[in-house]
Amino acid sequence: MSETLNTQVIVVGAGPVGLTLAYGLARAGVAVIVIETEPAISRQLRASTFHPPTLDLLDAWGITPQLIASGRITPTWQIRLHETGEHVTFDLSVLAGDTAHPYRLQCEQSVLSQALAERLHTQPQARVLRGATAAEVGQSGGRAWVEVEPAGGGPRQRIEADYVVGCDGAHSVVRKAIGASFEGTTYPDTTLLVTTRFDFSAMWPDLAGVNYIWQDEGTYSLLHLPDLWRVSLHPLADRPLQEEAEPARIVQRLHALFGAQHRFELEEVRPYRVHKRLASRWRLGRLFIAGDAAHLNNPKGGMGMNGGIHDAVALCEVLERALDGHSSDAALDVYERQRLPVVRDDIIGQADRNHARMQLRSLAERRAQLAQLQSLIDNSDRLREHLRQTSMLSGLARARELAQST
């Protein structure tokens, strides 16, 4: 094994959550090393929704203007009935008194990752090891450590730190070192994420930038990014996934939905399974987890990446204080105390309710749901509270209250 490296915090994983944590720590003067298996920032289709409080948090670091420049401001979102066109539209301008960004921003998560990576590169106390794998994680002698396997093989290198944070996804090696269970379920339906430059708003002029749509043969969603639309479809239950994911089959599905006269040129297709899971604990001694390593949720509502960023910002504050001398168990436990209940109730719970609502099958049930949603719009106080909840403002406020409780 080569010579041991030393730092203050090791972050395992250089996705948007890991990079948010690393940059937040580095700009506060904390020495940090990031370990990432992938040699470059992923450009795969992943999250694309930034909620108002996330934009507020990132604005304090000067990053939000860069996201806005690369994204599409989306002030409204809808729930629609495909066959009849009936819909309810939620206008986020209602939140103008609650946030500096009363809208959703549709922007690929890779834009955030790139912005954070560039800023992290300017921090002399930060280092990113790409193409390296965290093979083993542990803690002993008042230190935490990671054994790293370099790209292409060779001897492992040991890195020691005051703290190690796993932002390393669903198969987190840090979560395993903590000994946390990752309980939950896998939804029975697979999602097919498709991008196309076809302009759906030209066909439906009253379409919002974010739309969740009921349809008899399966619900779907339409999200408008600057240069393309993201379409989320569900494979039909009686057909193999491999066939349903074929571009020709997806075009056939789109023709069935919108008419054979339209020309759909697909940019990308990505099938993925959706999970609902929550780690039983987020800390053990000097080891922590955040983001997908700690929780997974249905993407309906766009809360997964945002919740992970909120984890990172909260943990950044806890670790800064710990490194400044506030390292008691009580001080370190603040992170789990404020984030785990909010993720469980306000993120996973809400995403699960969103999924269940879109599974309604009968027209009568769907219209009843639309009527309930319309009743929110007709009551200004209830509407504001609903939008605070669905935009993650309420959850973040609750997390702050939990952090201050004893």
Protein backbone atom coordinates (compact mmCIF):
# COMPACT_ATOMS: atom_id res chain seq x y z
CA MET A 1 0.00 0.00 0.00
CA SER A 2 1.32 3.45 -0.90
CA GLU A 3 1.83 6.32 1.52
CA THR A 4 -1.23 7.37 3.53
CA LEU A 5 -2.86 10.67 2.62
CA ASN A 6 -4.49 12.87 5.27
CA THR A 7 -7.30 15.39 5.00
CA GLN A 8 -10.20 16.69 7.08
CA VAL A 9 -13.17 15.28 5.14
CA ILE A 10 -13.40 12.55 2.51
CA VAL A 11 -16.45 12.63 0.24
CA VAL A 12 -17.15 9.39 -1.62
CA GLY A 13 -19.05 10.19 -4.82
CA ALA A 14 -18.85 13.20 -7.16
CA GLY A 15 -22.46 13.52 -8.24
CA PRO A 16 -24.35 16.75 -7.53
CA VAL A 17 -24.76 15.88 -3.84
CA GLY A 18 -21.12 14.98 -3.24
CA LEU A 19 -19.87 18.00 -5.14
CA THR A 20 -22.28 20.30 -3.27
CA LEU A 21 -20.94 19.04 0.05
CA ALA A 22 -17.31 19.20 -1.05
CA TYR A 23 -17.58 22.73 -2.43
CA GLY A 24 -19.48 23.97 0.62
CA LEU A 25 -16.76 22.62 2.88
CA ALA A 26 -13.88 23.84 0.72
CA ARG A 27 -15.19 27.39 0.48
CA ALA A 28 -15.32 27.37 4.29
CA GLY A 29 -11.64 26.47 4.39
CA VAL A 30 -12.02 22.74 5.06
CA ALA A 31 -9.54 20.37 3.40
CA VAL A 32 -11.52 17.82 1.40
CA ILE A 33 -10.79 14.93 -0.94
CA VAL A 34 -13.49 13.61 -3.27
CA ILE A 35 -13.28 10.02 -4.56
CA GLU A 36 -15.20 9.20 -7.75
CA THR A 37 -15.20 6.04 -9.84
CA GLU A 38 -16.30 7.71 -13.08
CA PRO A 39 -13.53 9.46 -15.05
CA ALA A 40 -15.77 12.41 -16.00
CA ILE A 41 -19.07 14.05 -15.09
CA SER A 42 -21.98 11.92 -16.26
CA ARG A 43 -24.13 13.34 -19.05
CA GLN A 44 -26.77 10.62 -18.67
CA LEU A 45 -30.43 11.54 -18.42
CA ARG A 46 -31.02 12.11 -14.73
CA ALA A 47 -32.70 14.78 -12.61
CA SER A 48 -33.70 18.03 -14.30
CA THR A 49 -35.93 19.87 -11.79
CA PHE A 50 -34.59 22.46 -9.36
CA HIS A 51 -37.07 23.60 -6.73
CA PRO A 52 -37.21 27.14 -5.26
CA PRO A 53 -35.36 26.48 -1.96
CA THR A 54 -32.58 24.66 -3.79
CA LEU A 55 -32.12 27.67 -6.05
CA ASP A 56 -32.10 29.89 -2.95
CA LEU A 57 -29.38 27.79 -1.30
CA LEU A 58 -27.19 27.65 -4.41
CA ASP A 59 -27.69 31.36 -5.02
CA ALA A 60 -25.74 32.08 -1.84
CA TRP A 61 -22.76 30.49 -3.61
CA GLY A 62 -23.33 32.35 -6.87
CA ILE A 63 -24.28 29.19 -8.78
CA THR A 64 -27.99 29.76 -9.46
CA PRO A 65 -27.45 32.38 -12.22
CA GLN A 66 -25.38 29.81 -14.13
CA LEU A 67 -28.17 27.24 -13.81
CA ILE A 68 -30.76 29.76 -14.96
CA ALA A 69 -28.62 30.64 -17.98
CA SER A 70 -28.58 26.97 -19.00
CA GLY A 71 -32.13 26.09 -17.98
CA ARG A 72 -35.76 27.04 -18.48
CA ILE A 73 -37.68 28.95 -15.83
CA THR A 74 -40.98 27.12 -15.31
CA PRO A 75 -43.51 29.17 -13.32
CA THR A 76 -46.41 26.71 -13.64
CA TRP A 77 -47.05 22.97 -13.52
CA GLN A 78 -50.11 20.92 -14.37
CA ILE A 79 -51.99 17.71 -13.78
CA ARG A 80 -53.98 16.81 -16.90
CA LEU A 81 -56.42 14.31 -18.38
CA HIS A 82 -55.01 13.30 -21.76
CA GLU A 83 -58.29 12.28 -23.38
CA THR A 84 -60.31 15.37 -22.48
CA GLY A 85 -57.68 18.08 -21.91
CA GLU A 86 -59.12 18.89 -18.48
CA HIS A 87 -56.38 20.14 -16.20
CA VAL A 88 -55.42 22.01 -13.08
CA THR A 89 -52.56 24.53 -13.26
CA PHE A 90 -50.48 25.52 -10.24
CA ASP A 91 -48.77 28.91 -10.44
CA LEU A 92 -45.68 29.21 -8.28
CA SER A 93 -45.77 33.02 -8.31
CA VAL A 94 -47.94 32.53 -5.20
CA LEU A 95 -44.65 31.85 -3.38
CA ALA A 96 -43.07 35.20 -4.23
CA GLY A 97 -43.09 36.15 -0.55
CA ASP A 98 -41.46 32.86 0.50
CA THR A 99 -38.56 32.53 -1.91
CA ALA A 100 -36.39 34.58 -4.23
CA HIS A 101 -37.10 31.99 -6.94
CA PRO A 102 -40.88 31.37 -7.18
CA TYR A 103 -40.64 28.82 -9.97
CA ARG A 104 -39.16 25.49 -10.92
CA LEU A 105 -36.06 25.52 -13.07
CA GLN A 106 -35.74 22.79 -15.70
CA CYS A 107 -32.02 22.18 -16.15
CA GLU A 108 -29.98 19.00 -16.48
CA GLN A 109 -28.20 18.07 -13.25
CA SER A 110 -24.90 17.79 -15.13
CA VAL A 111 -24.92 21.61 -15.42
CA LEU A 112 -24.82 21.85 -11.63
CA SER A 113 -22.15 19.16 -11.37
CA GLN A 114 -19.99 20.98 -13.91
CA ALA A 115 -20.42 24.34 -12.17
CA LEU A 116 -19.49 22.84 -8.80
CA ALA A 117 -16.52 20.93 -10.23
CA GLU A 118 -15.13 24.09 -11.81
CA ARG A 119 -15.44 26.01 -8.55
CA LEU A 120 -13.98 23.15 -6.56
CA HIS A 121 -10.97 23.15 -8.87
CA THR A 122 -10.17 26.72 -7.74
CA GLN A 123 -10.06 25.72 -4.06
CA PRO A 124 -6.44 24.88 -3.10
CA GLN A 125 -7.55 22.73 -0.14
CA ALA A 126 -9.77 20.52 -2.34
CA ARG A 127 -8.81 17.55 -4.46
CA VAL A 128 -10.93 15.29 -6.69
CA LEU A 129 -9.66 11.78 -7.44
CA ARG A 130 -11.50 10.55 -10.55
CA GLY A 131 -11.28 7.02 -11.83
CA ALA A 132 -10.67 5.83 -8.26
CA THR A 133 -12.87 3.42 -6.31
CA ALA A 134 -13.56 3.46 -2.59
CA ALA A 135 -12.94 -0.23 -1.91
CA GLU A 136 -13.22 -0.22 1.87
CA VAL A 137 -14.30 2.30 4.49
CA GLY A 138 -13.81 2.28 8.24
CA GLN A 139 -12.82 4.17 11.37
CA SER A 140 -10.33 3.55 14.14
CA GLY A 141 -8.08 5.44 16.50
CA GLY A 142 -10.14 8.62 16.33
CA ARG A 143 -9.90 8.78 12.52
CA ALA A 144 -12.00 7.66 9.58
CA TRP A 145 -10.40 6.14 6.50
CA VAL A 146 -10.99 4.97 2.95
CA GLU A 147 -8.89 2.50 1.01
CA VAL A 148 -8.85 3.56 -2.63
CA GLU A 149 -8.23 1.39 -5.67
CA PRO A 150 -6.73 3.42 -8.54
CA ALA A 151 -8.02 3.15 -12.09
CA GLY A 152 -6.31 0.37 -13.97
CA GLY A 153 -5.39 -1.53 -10.83
CA GLY A 154 -2.30 -1.32 -8.70
CA PRO A 155 -1.82 -1.05 -4.93
CA ARG A 156 -4.50 0.55 -2.81
CA GLN A 157 -3.95 3.92 -1.22
CA ARG A 158 -5.22 4.72 2.25
CA ILE A 159 -6.71 8.15 2.91
CA GLU A 160 -7.44 9.20 6.49
CA ALA A 161 -9.69 12.02 7.62
CA ASP A 162 -11.67 13.41 10.52
CA TYR A 163 -14.88 12.42 8.74
CA VAL A 164 -16.01 10.37 5.73
CA VAL A 165 -19.29 11.05 3.91
CA GLY A 166 -20.87 8.64 1.47
CA CYS A 167 -22.62 10.35 -1.42
CA ASP A 168 -22.09 7.17 -3.41
CA GLY A 169 -25.59 6.18 -4.43
CA ALA A 170 -27.88 3.24 -3.91
CA HIS A 171 -25.05 0.70 -3.50
CA SER A 172 -23.14 2.90 -1.06
CA VAL A 173 -20.01 1.35 0.44
CA VAL A 174 -20.16 3.94 3.23
CA ARG A 175 -23.74 2.97 4.15
CA LYS A 176 -22.56 -0.64 4.46
CA ALA A 177 -19.72 0.48 6.74
CA ILE A 178 -22.25 2.32 8.91
CA GLY A 179 -24.26 -0.90 9.14
CA ALA A 180 -27.51 0.77 8.11
CA SER A 181 -30.30 -1.21 6.53
CA PHE A 182 -31.84 0.20 3.34
CA GLU A 183 -35.42 -0.85 3.69
CA GLY A 184 -38.24 -0.16 1.29
CA THR A 185 -39.73 -1.39 -1.96
CA THR A 186 -39.24 -1.31 -5.69
CA TYR A 187 -42.22 0.00 -7.64
CA PRO A 188 -43.65 -2.58 -10.04
CA ASP A 189 -43.54 -0.19 -12.99
CA THR A 190 -40.38 0.66 -14.91
CA THR A 191 -39.99 4.18 -16.29
CA LEU A 192 -38.82 4.95 -19.82
CA LEU A 193 -37.19 8.36 -19.96
CA VAL A 194 -37.13 9.79 -23.49
CA THR A 195 -35.94 13.10 -24.91
CA THR A 196 -37.13 14.66 -28.14
CA ARG A 197 -37.08 18.08 -29.77
CA PHE A 198 -40.72 17.78 -30.79
CA ASP A 199 -42.57 20.86 -29.48
CA PHE A 200 -45.57 19.62 -27.51
CA SER A 201 -46.59 23.17 -26.60
CA ALA A 202 -47.25 23.90 -30.29
CA MET A 203 -49.86 21.15 -30.20
CA TRP A 204 -51.32 22.09 -26.80
CA PRO A 205 -50.88 25.86 -26.33
CA ASP A 206 -52.11 25.74 -22.71
CA LEU A 207 -49.48 23.18 -21.71
CA ALA A 208 -47.26 24.09 -18.76
CA GLY A 209 -43.52 23.51 -18.53
CA VAL A 210 -44.04 20.53 -16.19
CA ASN A 211 -47.01 18.22 -16.74
CA TYR A 212 -48.21 14.98 -15.12
CA ILE A 213 -50.81 13.41 -17.36
CA TRP A 214 -53.38 10.66 -16.87
CA GLN A 215 -54.00 8.40 -19.84
CA ASP A 216 -55.95 5.16 -20.09
CA GLU A 217 -52.98 3.06 -21.21
CA GLY A 218 -50.64 4.46 -18.56
CA THR A 219 -49.71 7.84 -17.17
CA TYR A 220 -46.86 9.91 -18.58
CA SER A 221 -45.16 13.23 -17.95
CA LEU A 222 -43.83 16.03 -20.13
CA LEU A 223 -41.06 18.36 -18.94
CA HIS A 224 -39.84 21.25 -21.07
CA LEU A 225 -36.12 21.98 -21.04
CA PRO A 226 -34.51 24.77 -23.10
CA ASP A 227 -33.90 22.75 -26.27
CA LEU A 228 -35.96 19.61 -25.83
CA TRP A 229 -38.75 17.85 -23.98
CA ARG A 230 -38.34 14.97 -21.54
CA VAL A 231 -41.11 12.38 -21.79
CA SER A 232 -41.53 9.75 -19.08
CA LEU A 233 -43.55 6.72 -20.19
CA HIS A 234 -44.39 3.42 -18.51
CA PRO A 235 -44.00 0.20 -20.53
CA LEU A 236 -47.24 -1.64 -21.10
CA ALA A 237 -47.51 -4.53 -18.67
CA ASP A 238 -48.12 -7.20 -21.32
CA ARG A 239 -44.98 -6.43 -23.34
CA PRO A 240 -41.29 -7.15 -22.58
CA LEU A 241 -39.26 -4.14 -21.40
CA GLN A 242 -36.65 -4.71 -24.11
CA GLU A 243 -39.31 -4.30 -26.79
CA GLU A 244 -40.95 -1.32 -25.07
CA ALA A 245 -37.59 0.49 -24.89
CA GLU A 246 -36.91 0.17 -28.62
CA PRO A 247 -36.99 3.63 -30.30
CA ALA A 248 -39.42 2.43 -32.96
CA ARG A 249 -41.80 1.20 -30.28
CA ILE A 250 -41.56 4.48 -28.37
CA VAL A 251 -42.35 6.43 -31.52
CA GLN A 252 -45.34 4.13 -32.01
CA ARG A 253 -46.49 4.96 -28.47
CA LEU A 254 -46.10 8.68 -29.10
CA HIS A 255 -48.05 8.40 -32.36
CA ALA A 256 -50.84 6.65 -30.46
CA LEU A 257 -50.90 9.50 -27.95
CA PHE A 258 -50.50 12.51 -30.22
CA GLY A 259 -51.25 11.43 -33.77
CA ALA A 260 -49.38 9.64 -36.55
CA GLN A 261 -49.01 12.87 -38.52
CA HIS A 262 -46.33 14.11 -36.11
CA ARG A 263 -42.64 13.40 -36.55
CA PHE A 264 -40.83 12.34 -33.38
CA GLU A 265 -37.04 12.19 -33.51
CA LEU A 266 -35.71 10.74 -30.27
CA GLU A 267 -32.50 12.02 -28.73
CA GLU A 268 -32.05 9.50 -25.92
CA VAL A 269 -33.90 6.64 -24.26
CA ARG A 270 -33.16 5.37 -20.75
CA PRO A 271 -35.20 2.77 -18.86
CA TYR A 272 -34.87 2.72 -15.08
CA ARG A 273 -36.50 1.13 -12.04
CA VAL A 274 -37.93 3.32 -9.32
CA HIS A 275 -37.35 2.61 -5.62
CA LYS A 276 -38.69 3.79 -2.28
CA ARG A 277 -35.96 3.25 0.32
CA LEU A 278 -34.67 4.92 3.48
CA ALA A 279 -31.50 4.12 5.40
CA SER A 280 -32.16 3.21 9.02
CA ARG A 281 -29.32 5.43 10.24
CA TRP A 282 -27.27 8.17 8.59
CA ARG A 283 -24.30 8.31 10.94
CA LEU A 284 -21.99 6.01 12.83
CA GLY A 285 -19.16 7.77 14.64
CA ARG A 286 -17.18 9.60 11.98
CA LEU A 287 -19.08 8.14 9.00
CA PHE A 288 -22.09 9.83 7.37
CA ILE A 289 -24.30 9.30 4.30
CA ALA A 290 -26.31 11.70 2.17
CA GLY A 291 -28.39 11.78 -1.02
CA ASP A 292 -29.13 8.50 -2.78
CA ALA A 293 -26.88 6.66 -0.33
CA ALA A 294 -29.42 7.57 2.38
CA HIS A 295 -32.72 7.67 0.50
CA LEU A 296 -34.42 6.87 -2.80
CA ASN A 297 -37.85 8.03 -3.90
CA ASN A 298 -40.22 8.06 -6.84
CA PRO A 299 -39.22 10.88 -9.23
CA LYS A 300 -42.79 12.24 -9.49
CA GLY A 301 -42.43 15.77 -8.15
CA GLY A 302 -38.68 16.03 -8.81
CA MET A 303 -37.54 15.87 -5.18
CA GLY A 304 -34.70 13.32 -5.17
CA MET A 305 -31.75 15.44 -6.27
CA ASN A 306 -33.11 18.48 -4.44
CA GLY A 307 -33.44 16.52 -1.21
CA GLY A 308 -29.87 15.29 -1.59
CA ILE A 309 -28.62 18.84 -2.05
CA HIS A 310 -30.51 19.86 1.08
CA ASP A 311 -28.79 16.97 2.90
CA ALA A 312 -25.41 18.21 1.72
CA VAL A 313 -25.96 21.80 2.82
CA ALA A 314 -27.19 20.69 6.26
CA LEU A 315 -24.27 18.28 6.72
CA CYS A 316 -21.81 20.93 5.57
CA GLU A 317 -22.92 23.14 8.47
CA VAL A 318 -22.66 20.27 10.97
CA LEU A 319 -19.17 19.27 9.82
CA GLU A 320 -17.91 22.85 9.79
CA ARG A 321 -18.99 23.18 13.43
CA ALA A 322 -17.48 19.80 14.31
CA LEU A 323 -14.13 20.77 12.85
CA ASP A 324 -14.37 24.02 14.80
CA GLY A 325 -14.60 22.10 18.07
CA HIS A 326 -18.29 21.18 18.31
CA SER A 327 -17.78 17.45 17.75
CA SER A 328 -19.87 15.88 20.51
CA ASP A 329 -22.31 13.11 19.61
CA ALA A 330 -25.18 15.51 20.23
CA ALA A 331 -23.73 18.07 17.80
CA LEU A 332 -23.10 15.43 15.11
CA ASP A 333 -26.52 13.81 15.58
CA VAL A 334 -28.19 17.08 14.54
CA TYR A 335 -27.77 16.09 10.90
CA GLU A 336 -29.76 12.87 11.10
CA ARG A 337 -32.29 14.42 13.45
CA GLN A 338 -33.17 17.19 11.03
CA ARG A 339 -32.94 15.36 7.71
CA LEU A 340 -34.19 11.78 8.20
CA PRO A 341 -37.76 12.65 9.33
CA VAL A 342 -38.14 15.24 6.58
CA VAL A 343 -36.95 12.83 3.91
CA ARG A 344 -39.25 10.12 5.27
CA ASP A 345 -42.38 12.28 5.47
CA ASP A 346 -41.94 15.23 3.13
CA ILE A 347 -39.91 13.64 0.32
CA ILE A 348 -40.44 9.87 0.19
CA GLY A 349 -43.97 10.15 1.57
CA GLN A 350 -44.99 12.92 -0.79
CA ALA A 351 -43.41 11.26 -3.82
CA ASP A 352 -45.25 8.05 -2.96
CA ARG A 353 -48.54 9.94 -2.74
CA ASN A 354 -47.81 11.57 -6.10
CA HIS A 355 -47.22 8.14 -7.61
CA ALA A 356 -50.42 6.73 -6.09
CA ARG A 357 -52.48 9.67 -7.40
CA MET A 358 -51.24 9.12 -10.94
CA GLN A 359 -52.19 5.43 -10.71
CA LEU A 360 -55.91 6.23 -10.49
CA ARG A 361 -57.62 4.28 -13.27
CA SER A 362 -61.25 5.37 -13.53
CA LEU A 363 -62.30 8.63 -15.13
CA ALA A 364 -64.56 9.34 -12.14
CA GLU A 365 -61.63 9.01 -9.71
CA ARG A 366 -59.42 11.21 -11.83
CA ARG A 367 -62.05 13.93 -12.14
CA ALA A 368 -62.67 13.77 -8.40
CA GLN A 369 -58.96 14.26 -7.82
CA LEU A 370 -58.88 17.19 -10.23
CA ALA A 371 -61.81 18.73 -8.37
CA GLN A 372 -59.95 18.41 -5.06
CA LEU A 373 -56.87 20.05 -6.57
CA GLN A 374 -58.98 22.83 -8.06
CA SER A 375 -60.44 23.47 -4.61
CA LEU A 376 -56.90 24.21 -3.42
CA ILE A 377 -56.46 26.81 -6.13
CA ASP A 378 -59.72 28.45 -5.09
CA ASN A 379 -58.47 28.90 -1.50
CA SER A 380 -55.43 31.16 -1.30
CA ASP A 381 -54.21 29.97 2.11
CA ARG A 382 -54.51 26.27 1.27
CA LEU A 383 -52.93 26.87 -2.14
CA ARG A 384 -49.91 28.59 -0.65
CA GLU A 385 -49.40 25.80 1.89
CA HIS A 386 -49.78 23.14 -0.84
CA LEU A 387 -47.20 24.87 -3.02
CA ARG A 388 -44.84 25.34 -0.08
CA GLN A 389 -45.06 21.59 0.49
CA THR A 390 -44.70 20.47 -3.13
CA SER A 391 -41.88 22.96 -3.69
CA MET A 392 -40.00 21.63 -0.63
CA LEU A 393 -40.09 24.91 1.28
CA SER A 394 -42.11 23.42 4.14
CA GLY A 395 -39.81 20.43 4.48
CA LEU A 396 -36.70 22.61 4.61
CA ALA A 397 -38.32 24.86 7.24
CA ARG A 398 -39.25 21.80 9.29
CA ALA A 399 -35.67 20.52 9.05
CA ARG A 400 -34.39 23.80 10.50
CA GLU A 401 -36.86 23.52 13.38
CA LEU A 402 -35.79 19.94 14.08
CA ALA A 403 -32.13 21.00 14.08
CA GLN A 404 -32.88 23.53 16.83
CA SER A 405 -34.92 21.14 18.98
CA THR A 406 -33.32 19.12 21.75
